[in-house]
PDB file of N, CA and C in Angstrom:
ATOM      1  N   MET A   1     226.625  46.726 179.524  1.00  0.00           N
ATOM      2  CA  MET A   1     225.527  46.194 178.763  1.00  0.00           C
ATOM      3  C   MET A   1     225.991  46.051 177.314  1.00  0.00           C
ATOM      4  N   SER A   2     225.801  44.881 176.794  1.00  0.00           N
ATOM      5  CA  SER A   2     226.249  44.634 175.422  1.00  0.00           C
ATOM      6  C   SER A   2     225.213  45.156 174.424  1.00  0.00           C
ATOM      7  N   PHE A   3     225.639  45.239 173.209  1.00  0.00           N
ATOM      8  CA  PHE A   3     224.784  45.756 172.144  1.00  0.00           C
ATOM      9  C   PHE A   3     223.565  44.861 171.917  1.00  0.00           C
ATOM     10  N   ASP A   4     223.756  43.548 172.011  1.00  0.00           N
ATOM     11  CA  ASP A   4     222.650  42.599 171.823  1.00  0.00           C
ATOM     12  C   ASP A   4     221.589  42.760 172.909  1.00  0.00           C
ATOM     13  N   THR A   5     222.018  42.929 174.134  1.00  0.00           N
ATOM     14  CA  THR A   5     221.092  43.108 175.246  1.00  0.00           C
ATOM     15  C   THR A   5     220.316  44.414 175.091  1.00  0.00           C
ATOM     16  N   LEU A   6     220.997  45.461 174.654  1.00  0.00           N
ATOM     17  CA  LEU A   6     220.343  46.749 174.449  1.00  0.00           C
ATOM     18  C   LEU A   6     219.269  46.646 173.364  1.00  0.00           C
ATOM     19  N   LEU A   7     219.590  46.013 172.252  1.00  0.00           N
ATOM     20  CA  LEU A   7     218.615  45.862 171.172  1.00  0.00           C
ATOM     21  C   LEU A   7     217.434  44.993 171.592  1.00  0.00           C
ATOM     22  N   SER A   8     217.673  43.922 172.297  1.00  0.00           N
ATOM     23  CA  SER A   8     216.577  43.054 172.737  1.00  0.00           C
ATOM     24  C   SER A   8     215.681  43.777 173.739  1.00  0.00           C
ATOM     25  N   THR A   9     216.283  44.622 174.593  1.00  0.00           N
ATOM     26  CA  THR A   9     215.492  45.403 175.543  1.00  0.00           C
ATOM     27  C   THR A   9     214.617  46.417 174.811  1.00  0.00           C
ATOM     28  N   ILE A  10     215.175  47.061 173.802  1.00  0.00           N
ATOM     29  CA  ILE A  10     214.402  48.037 173.019  1.00  0.00           C
ATOM     30  C   ILE A  10     213.248  47.348 172.299  1.00  0.00           C
ATOM     31  N   ILE A  11     213.489  46.191 171.725  1.00  0.00           N
ATOM     32  CA  ILE A  11     212.435  45.449 171.022  1.00  0.00           C
ATOM     33  C   ILE A  11     211.351  45.007 172.000  1.00  0.00           C
ATOM     34  N   LEU A  12     211.734  44.515 173.160  1.00  0.00           N
ATOM     35  CA  LEU A  12     210.766  44.067 174.152  1.00  0.00           C
ATOM     36  C   LEU A  12     209.907  45.232 174.646  1.00  0.00           C
ATOM     37  N   VAL A  13     210.531  46.355 174.938  1.00  0.00           N
ATOM     38  CA  VAL A  13     209.789  47.511 175.433  1.00  0.00           C
ATOM     39  C   VAL A  13     208.845  48.042 174.360  1.00  0.00           C
ATOM     40  N   SER A  14     209.295  48.106 173.120  1.00  0.00           N
ATOM     41  CA  SER A  14     208.427  48.591 172.048  1.00  0.00           C
ATOM     42  C   SER A  14     207.251  47.643 171.811  1.00  0.00           C
ATOM     43  N   PHE A  15     207.478  46.339 171.944  1.00  0.00           N
ATOM     44  CA  PHE A  15     206.393  45.368 171.818  1.00  0.00           C
ATOM     45  C   PHE A  15     205.363  45.560 172.918  1.00  0.00           C
ATOM     46  N   LEU A  16     205.825  45.716 174.147  1.00  0.00           N
ATOM     47  CA  LEU A  16     204.900  45.909 175.269  1.00  0.00           C
ATOM     48  C   LEU A  16     204.120  47.221 175.137  1.00  0.00           C
ATOM     49  N   VAL A  17     204.777  48.277 174.704  1.00  0.00           N
ATOM     50  CA  VAL A  17     204.089  49.557 174.515  1.00  0.00           C
ATOM     51  C   VAL A  17     203.042  49.429 173.410  1.00  0.00           C
ATOM     52  N   THR A  18     203.348  48.694 172.360  1.00  0.00           N
ATOM     53  CA  THR A  18     202.387  48.489 171.274  1.00  0.00           C
ATOM     54  C   THR A  18     201.150  47.750 171.768  1.00  0.00           C
ATOM     55  N   ILE A  19     201.352  46.709 172.556  1.00  0.00           N
ATOM     56  CA  ILE A  19     200.222  45.949 173.099  1.00  0.00           C
ATOM     57  C   ILE A  19     199.384  46.834 174.021  1.00  0.00           C
ATOM     58  N   ILE A  20     200.018  47.610 174.880  1.00  0.00           N
ATOM     59  CA  ILE A  20     199.291  48.491 175.801  1.00  0.00           C
ATOM     60  C   ILE A  20     198.499  49.544 175.022  1.00  0.00           C
ATOM     61  N   MET A  21     199.092  50.111 173.977  1.00  0.00           N
ATOM     62  CA  MET A  21     198.385  51.110 173.185  1.00  0.00           C
ATOM     63  C   MET A  21     197.210  50.492 172.411  1.00  0.00           C
ATOM     64  N   ALA A  22     197.355  49.267 171.954  1.00  0.00           N
ATOM     65  CA  ALA A  22     196.259  48.599 171.252  1.00  0.00           C
ATOM     66  C   ALA A  22     195.080  48.357 172.190  1.00  0.00           C
ATOM     67  N   VAL A  23     195.356  47.891 173.396  1.00  0.00           N
ATOM     68  CA  VAL A  23     194.295  47.660 174.374  1.00  0.00           C
ATOM     69  C   VAL A  23     193.642  48.988 174.765  1.00  0.00           C
ATOM     70  N   GLY A  24     194.443  50.026 174.945  1.00  0.00           N
ATOM     71  CA  GLY A  24     193.899  51.344 175.299  1.00  0.00           C
ATOM     72  C   GLY A  24     193.045  51.934 174.193  1.00  0.00           C
ATOM     73  N   SER A  25     193.462  51.789 172.954  1.00  0.00           N
ATOM     74  CA  SER A  25     192.669  52.336 171.855  1.00  0.00           C
ATOM     75  C   SER A  25     191.369  51.558 171.672  1.00  0.00           C
ATOM     76  N   TYR A  26     191.393  50.254 171.903  1.00  0.00           N
ATOM     77  CA  TYR A  26     190.165  49.465 171.823  1.00  0.00           C
ATOM     78  C   TYR A  26     189.200  49.863 172.930  1.00  0.00           C
ATOM     79  N   ALA A  27     189.709  50.086 174.126  1.00  0.00           N
ATOM     80  CA  ALA A  27     188.852  50.525 175.228  1.00  0.00           C
ATOM     81  C   ALA A  27     188.258  51.905 174.939  1.00  0.00           C
ATOM     82  N   ALA A  28     189.050  52.809 174.376  1.00  0.00           N
ATOM     83  CA  ALA A  28     188.536  54.139 174.018  1.00  0.00           C
ATOM     84  C   ALA A  28     187.468  54.028 172.940  1.00  0.00           C
ATOM     85  N   TYR A  29     187.662  53.135 171.980  1.00  0.00           N
ATOM     86  CA  TYR A  29     186.663  52.927 170.926  1.00  0.00           C
ATOM     87  C   TYR A  29     185.353  52.423 171.518  1.00  0.00           C
ATOM     88  N   LYS A  30     185.437  51.457 172.429  1.00  0.00           N
ATOM     89  CA  LYS A  30     184.228  50.912 173.039  1.00  0.00           C
ATOM     90  C   LYS A  30     183.516  51.958 173.894  1.00  0.00           C
ATOM     91  N   LEU A  31     184.261  52.765 174.611  1.00  0.00           N
ATOM     92  CA  LEU A  31     183.640  53.833 175.397  1.00  0.00           C
ATOM     93  C   LEU A  31     182.950  54.844 174.488  1.00  0.00           C
ATOM     94  N   ARG A  32     183.571  55.159 173.366  1.00  0.00           N
ATOM     95  CA  ARG A  32     182.978  56.110 172.427  1.00  0.00           C
ATOM     96  C   ARG A  32     181.714  55.539 171.804  1.00  0.00           C
ATOM     97  N   GLU A  33     181.706  54.254 171.477  1.00  0.00           N
ATOM     98  CA  GLU A  33     180.520  53.640 170.892  1.00  0.00           C
ATOM     99  C   GLU A  33     179.367  53.593 171.888  1.00  0.00           C
ATOM    100  N   ASN A  34     179.656  53.383 173.152  1.00  0.00           N
ATOM    101  CA  ASN A  34     178.598  53.358 174.166  1.00  0.00           C
ATOM    102  C   ASN A  34     178.037  54.746 174.422  1.00  0.00           C
ATOM    103  N   ARG A  35     178.811  55.772 174.148  1.00  0.00           N
ATOM    104  CA  ARG A  35     178.377  57.142 174.383  1.00  0.00           C
ATOM    105  C   ARG A  35     177.512  57.679 173.256  1.00  0.00           C
ATOM    106  N   ARG A  36     177.591  57.077 172.077  1.00  0.00           N
ATOM    107  CA  ARG A  36     176.852  57.538 170.903  1.00  0.00           C
ATOM    108  C   ARG A  36     175.351  57.363 171.134  1.00  0.00           C
ATOM    109  N   PRO A  37     174.540  58.382 170.828  1.00  0.00           N
ATOM    110  CA  PRO A  37     173.095  58.245 171.031  1.00  0.00           C
ATOM    111  C   PRO A  37     172.498  57.231 170.062  1.00  0.00           C
ATOM    112  N   GLN A  38     171.573  56.461 170.557  1.00  0.00           N
ATOM    113  CA  GLN A  38     170.929  55.443 169.743  1.00  0.00           C
ATOM    114  C   GLN A  38     169.802  56.085 168.937  1.00  0.00           C
ATOM    115  N   ARG A  39     169.707  55.709 167.667  1.00  0.00           N
ATOM    116  CA  ARG A  39     168.666  56.245 166.795  1.00  0.00           C
ATOM    117  C   ARG A  39     167.380  55.489 167.057  1.00  0.00           C
ATOM    118  N   GLU A  40     166.322  56.228 167.303  1.00  0.00           N
ATOM    119  CA  GLU A  40     165.032  55.607 167.542  1.00  0.00           C
ATOM    120  C   GLU A  40     164.264  55.542 166.236  1.00  0.00           C
ATOM    121  N   LEU A  41     163.691  54.388 165.966  1.00  0.00           N
ATOM    122  CA  LEU A  41     162.891  54.218 164.761  1.00  0.00           C
ATOM    123  C   LEU A  41     161.464  54.667 165.045  1.00  0.00           C
ATOM    124  N   ASP A  42     160.880  55.391 164.113  1.00  0.00           N
ATOM    125  CA  ASP A  42     159.508  55.835 164.290  1.00  0.00           C
ATOM    126  C   ASP A  42     158.552  54.718 163.895  1.00  0.00           C
ATOM    127  N   ASP A  43     157.260  55.004 163.885  1.00  0.00           N
ATOM    128  CA  ASP A  43     156.250  53.981 163.621  1.00  0.00           C
ATOM    129  C   ASP A  43     156.212  53.538 162.171  1.00  0.00           C
ATOM    130  N   SER A  44     156.856  54.258 161.274  1.00  0.00           N
ATOM    131  CA  SER A  44     156.791  53.921 159.857  1.00  0.00           C
ATOM    132  C   SER A  44     157.699  52.745 159.491  1.00  0.00           C
ATOM    133  N   GLY A  45     158.372  52.167 160.408  1.00  0.00           N
ATOM    134  CA  GLY A  45     159.236  51.022 160.114  1.00  0.00           C
ATOM    135  C   GLY A  45     160.692  51.432 160.128  1.00  0.00           C
ATOM    136  N   ALA A  46     161.512  50.688 159.384  1.00  0.00           N
ATOM    137  CA  ALA A  46     162.952  50.923 159.383  1.00  0.00           C
ATOM    138  C   ALA A  46     163.366  51.759 158.179  1.00  0.00           C
ATOM    139  N   GLU A  47     162.629  52.809 157.897  1.00  0.00           N
ATOM    140  CA  GLU A  47     162.981  53.668 156.770  1.00  0.00           C
ATOM    141  C   GLU A  47     164.205  54.498 157.106  1.00  0.00           C
ATOM    142  N   SER A  48     164.984  54.773 156.104  1.00  0.00           N
ATOM    143  CA  SER A  48     166.187  55.560 156.294  1.00  0.00           C
ATOM    144  C   SER A  48     165.830  57.037 156.404  1.00  0.00           C
ATOM    145  N   VAL A  49     166.539  57.741 157.240  1.00  0.00           N
ATOM    146  CA  VAL A  49     166.317  59.164 157.407  1.00  0.00           C
ATOM    147  C   VAL A  49     166.952  59.943 156.258  1.00  0.00           C
ATOM    148  N   PHE A  50     168.013  59.421 155.670  1.00  0.00           N
ATOM    149  CA  PHE A  50     168.807  60.166 154.708  1.00  0.00           C
ATOM    150  C   PHE A  50     168.475  59.868 153.253  1.00  0.00           C
ATOM    151  N   PHE A  51     167.896  58.726 152.940  1.00  0.00           N
ATOM    152  CA  PHE A  51     167.685  58.346 151.561  1.00  0.00           C
ATOM    153  C   PHE A  51     166.202  58.151 151.294  1.00  0.00           C
ATOM    154  N   GLU A  52     165.800  58.502 150.087  1.00  0.00           N
ATOM    155  CA  GLU A  52     164.426  58.297 149.667  1.00  0.00           C
ATOM    156  C   GLU A  52     164.429  57.282 148.541  1.00  0.00           C
ATOM    157  N   ARG A  53     163.626  56.234 148.684  1.00  0.00           N
ATOM    158  CA  ARG A  53     163.581  55.187 147.671  1.00  0.00           C
ATOM    159  C   ARG A  53     162.772  55.691 146.478  1.00  0.00           C
ATOM    160  N   ILE A  54     163.342  55.552 145.290  1.00  0.00           N
ATOM    161  CA  ILE A  54     162.688  55.969 144.055  1.00  0.00           C
ATOM    162  C   ILE A  54     162.369  54.719 143.267  1.00  0.00           C
ATOM    163  N   LEU A  55     161.090  54.543 142.953  1.00  0.00           N
ATOM    164  CA  LEU A  55     160.645  53.376 142.208  1.00  0.00           C
ATOM    165  C   LEU A  55     160.234  53.799 140.808  1.00  0.00           C
ATOM    166  N   ALA A  56     160.514  52.978 139.810  1.00  0.00           N
ATOM    167  CA  ALA A  56     160.115  53.255 138.435  1.00  0.00           C
ATOM    168  C   ALA A  56     158.619  52.990 138.297  1.00  0.00           C
ATOM    169  N   ASP A  57     157.961  53.748 137.424  1.00  0.00           N
ATOM    170  CA  ASP A  57     156.524  53.545 137.208  1.00  0.00           C
ATOM    171  C   ASP A  57     156.250  52.192 136.573  1.00  0.00           C
ATOM    172  N   GLU A  58     157.026  51.862 135.544  1.00  0.00           N
ATOM    173  CA  GLU A  58     156.876  50.576 134.876  1.00  0.00           C
ATOM    174  C   GLU A  58     158.229  49.864 134.881  1.00  0.00           C
ATOM    175  N   PRO A  59     158.217  48.555 135.054  1.00  0.00           N
ATOM    176  CA  PRO A  59     159.495  47.832 135.040  1.00  0.00           C
ATOM    177  C   PRO A  59     160.145  47.916 133.658  1.00  0.00           C
ATOM    178  N   VAL A  60     161.431  48.080 133.652  1.00  0.00           N
ATOM    179  CA  VAL A  60     162.194  48.158 132.417  1.00  0.00           C
ATOM    180  C   VAL A  60     162.842  46.814 132.169  1.00  0.00           C
ATOM    181  N   SER A  61     162.679  46.290 130.937  1.00  0.00           N
ATOM    182  CA  SER A  61     163.281  44.985 130.653  1.00  0.00           C
ATOM    183  C   SER A  61     164.769  45.178 130.388  1.00  0.00           C
ATOM    184  N   ALA A  62     165.533  44.181 130.757  1.00  0.00           N
ATOM    185  CA  ALA A  62     166.975  44.261 130.607  1.00  0.00           C
ATOM    186  C   ALA A  62     167.447  43.605 129.316  1.00  0.00           C
ATOM    187  N   GLY A  63     166.533  43.194 128.453  1.00  0.00           N
ATOM    188  CA  GLY A  63     166.908  42.518 127.213  1.00  0.00           C
ATOM    189  C   GLY A  63     167.500  43.481 126.203  1.00  0.00           C
ATOM    190  N   ILE A  64     168.394  42.965 125.366  1.00  0.00           N
ATOM    191  CA  ILE A  64     169.043  43.789 124.347  1.00  0.00           C
ATOM    192  C   ILE A  64     168.151  43.918 123.119  1.00  0.00           C
ATOM    193  N   ASN A  65     167.550  42.819 122.698  1.00  0.00           N
ATOM    194  CA  ASN A  65     166.715  42.822 121.492  1.00  0.00           C
ATOM    195  C   ASN A  65     165.252  42.889 121.899  1.00  0.00           C
ATOM    196  N   ASP A  66     164.731  44.085 122.040  1.00  0.00           N
ATOM    197  CA  ASP A  66     163.310  44.236 122.419  1.00  0.00           C
ATOM    198  C   ASP A  66     162.453  44.519 121.222  1.00  0.00           C
TER     199      ASP A  66
END
């Protein structure tokens, strides 16, 4: 086996392994996403569970010369 054939075989095998690992990792990602529990929204609408909206009492003008 010549050196060129050996290098081309190594490149081909590494390319195929990369493609197989990419497909496998994508399948694992999709399986993990399907396993994640879905968040149910309550009757109050699409409010966030983690953040509370803070509103100013009076609007503040953005002008420089007030």
